[in-house]
Amino acid sequence: MKAADKHYKIINCNTGYTIYYCTLSCDLSADSIKAELEKIKIQVAVKNNILFDTLYWDEIKEEIEEEEPN
């Protein structure tokens, strides 16, 4: 069974707002994921005229709701 792709958001630490969402393949290594996220951070900073150091990324973890028994 193939694991699900990982979802990330890029956040402006000055405002706390999420300004970009992305999805990366679960087939990538941890180092490759970090490298891709850094590239995306640079692109988002340039596009939005924001200092690179004011952005950070965070993985979006999906919460699984458990059904209550009847």
C-alpha atoms as a PDB file:
ATOM      1  CA  MET A   1       0.000   0.000   0.000  1.00  0.00           C
ATOM      2  CA  LYS A   2       1.410   3.379  -1.007  1.00  0.00           C
ATOM      3  CA  ALA A   3       1.530   6.066   1.671  1.00  0.00           C
ATOM      4  CA  ALA A   4      -0.263   9.336   1.030  1.00  0.00           C
ATOM      5  CA  ASP A   5       1.542  12.406  -0.283  1.00  0.00           C
ATOM      6  CA  LYS A   6       2.588  14.964   2.303  1.00  0.00           C
ATOM      7  CA  HIS A   7       0.984  18.391   2.430  1.00  0.00           C
ATOM      8  CA  TYR A   8       2.773  21.521   3.622  1.00  0.00           C
ATOM      9  CA  LYS A   9       2.010  25.185   4.179  1.00  0.00           C
ATOM     10  CA  ILE A  10       4.333  28.179   4.025  1.00  0.00           C
ATOM     11  CA  ILE A  11       3.665  30.650   6.835  1.00  0.00           C
ATOM     12  CA  ASN A  12       4.706  34.280   7.294  1.00  0.00           C
ATOM     13  CA  CYS A  13       5.991  34.429  10.876  1.00  0.00           C
ATOM     14  CA  ASN A  14       5.359  38.197  11.106  1.00  0.00           C
ATOM     15  CA  THR A  15       1.630  37.856  10.457  1.00  0.00           C
ATOM     16  CA  GLY A  16       1.011  34.192  11.236  1.00  0.00           C
ATOM     17  CA  TYR A  17      -0.859  33.847   7.935  1.00  0.00           C
ATOM     18  CA  THR A  18      -0.446  30.851   5.661  1.00  0.00           C
ATOM     19  CA  ILE A  19       0.454  32.235   2.239  1.00  0.00           C
ATOM     20  CA  TYR A  20       1.135  29.080   0.226  1.00  0.00           C
ATOM     21  CA  TYR A  21       0.158  25.400   0.201  1.00  0.00           C
ATOM     22  CA  CYS A  22       2.019  22.591  -1.548  1.00  0.00           C
ATOM     23  CA  THR A  23       2.052  18.817  -1.829  1.00  0.00           C
ATOM     24  CA  LEU A  24       5.171  16.689  -2.154  1.00  0.00           C
ATOM     25  CA  SER A  25       5.483  13.039  -3.028  1.00  0.00           C
ATOM     26  CA  CYS A  26       5.944  10.601  -0.191  1.00  0.00           C
ATOM     27  CA  ASP A  27       8.522   8.840  -2.375  1.00  0.00           C
ATOM     28  CA  LEU A  28      11.068  11.622  -1.750  1.00  0.00           C
ATOM     29  CA  SER A  29      13.714  11.207   0.929  1.00  0.00           C
ATOM     30  CA  ALA A  30      13.679  13.485   3.972  1.00  0.00           C
ATOM     31  CA  ASP A  31      16.628  15.454   2.556  1.00  0.00           C
ATOM     32  CA  SER A  32      14.898  15.861  -0.812  1.00  0.00           C
ATOM     33  CA  ILE A  33      11.730  17.083   0.869  1.00  0.00           C
ATOM     34  CA  LYS A  34      13.675  19.687   2.857  1.00  0.00           C
ATOM     35  CA  ALA A  35      15.491  20.840  -0.291  1.00  0.00           C
ATOM     36  CA  GLU A  36      12.198  21.166  -2.213  1.00  0.00           C
ATOM     37  CA  LEU A  37      10.593  23.089   0.634  1.00  0.00           C
ATOM     38  CA  GLU A  38      13.534  25.498   0.758  1.00  0.00           C
ATOM     39  CA  LYS A  39      13.199  26.089  -3.006  1.00  0.00           C
ATOM     40  CA  ILE A  40       9.490  26.741  -2.590  1.00  0.00           C
ATOM     41  CA  LYS A  41      10.181  29.130   0.299  1.00  0.00           C
ATOM     42  CA  ILE A  42      12.526  31.141  -1.915  1.00  0.00           C
ATOM     43  CA  GLN A  43       9.974  31.285  -4.741  1.00  0.00           C
ATOM     44  CA  VAL A  44       7.206  32.401  -2.376  1.00  0.00           C
ATOM     45  CA  ALA A  45       9.448  35.053  -0.790  1.00  0.00           C
ATOM     46  CA  VAL A  46      10.431  36.498  -4.176  1.00  0.00           C
ATOM     47  CA  LYS A  47       6.887  36.410  -5.568  1.00  0.00           C
ATOM     48  CA  ASN A  48       5.438  38.125  -2.483  1.00  0.00           C
ATOM     49  CA  ASN A  49       8.360  40.515  -1.883  1.00  0.00           C
ATOM     50  CA  ILE A  50       8.917  39.082   1.610  1.00  0.00           C
ATOM     51  CA  LEU A  51      12.220  38.437   3.355  1.00  0.00           C
ATOM     52  CA  PHE A  52      13.151  34.762   3.099  1.00  0.00           C
ATOM     53  CA  ASP A  53      13.895  34.515   6.830  1.00  0.00           C
ATOM     54  CA  THR A  54      10.340  35.546   7.764  1.00  0.00           C
ATOM     55  CA  LEU A  55       8.871  32.401   6.189  1.00  0.00           C
ATOM     56  CA  TYR A  56       8.737  28.890   7.542  1.00  0.00           C
ATOM     57  CA  TRP A  57       7.055  25.674   6.470  1.00  0.00           C
ATOM     58  CA  ASP A  58       4.909  23.291   8.444  1.00  0.00           C
ATOM     59  CA  GLU A  59       3.505  19.887   7.572  1.00  0.00           C
ATOM     60  CA  ILE A  60      -0.273  19.677   7.503  1.00  0.00           C
ATOM     61  CA  LYS A  61      -1.326  16.693   9.550  1.00  0.00           C
ATOM     62  CA  GLU A  62      -4.786  15.401   8.812  1.00  0.00           C
ATOM     63  CA  GLU A  63      -6.775  14.648  11.892  1.00  0.00           C
ATOM     64  CA  ILE A  64      -8.787  11.462  11.730  1.00  0.00           C
ATOM     65  CA  GLU A  65     -12.140  11.777  13.390  1.00  0.00           C
ATOM     66  CA  GLU A  66     -13.174   8.703  15.278  1.00  0.00           C
ATOM     67  CA  GLU A  67     -16.806   7.695  15.105  1.00  0.00           C
ATOM     68  CA  GLU A  68     -18.493   7.245  18.420  1.00  0.00           C
ATOM     69  CA  PRO A  69     -20.228   3.892  18.861  1.00  0.00           C
ATOM     70  CA  ASN A  70     -24.036   4.043  18.919  1.00  0.00           C
END
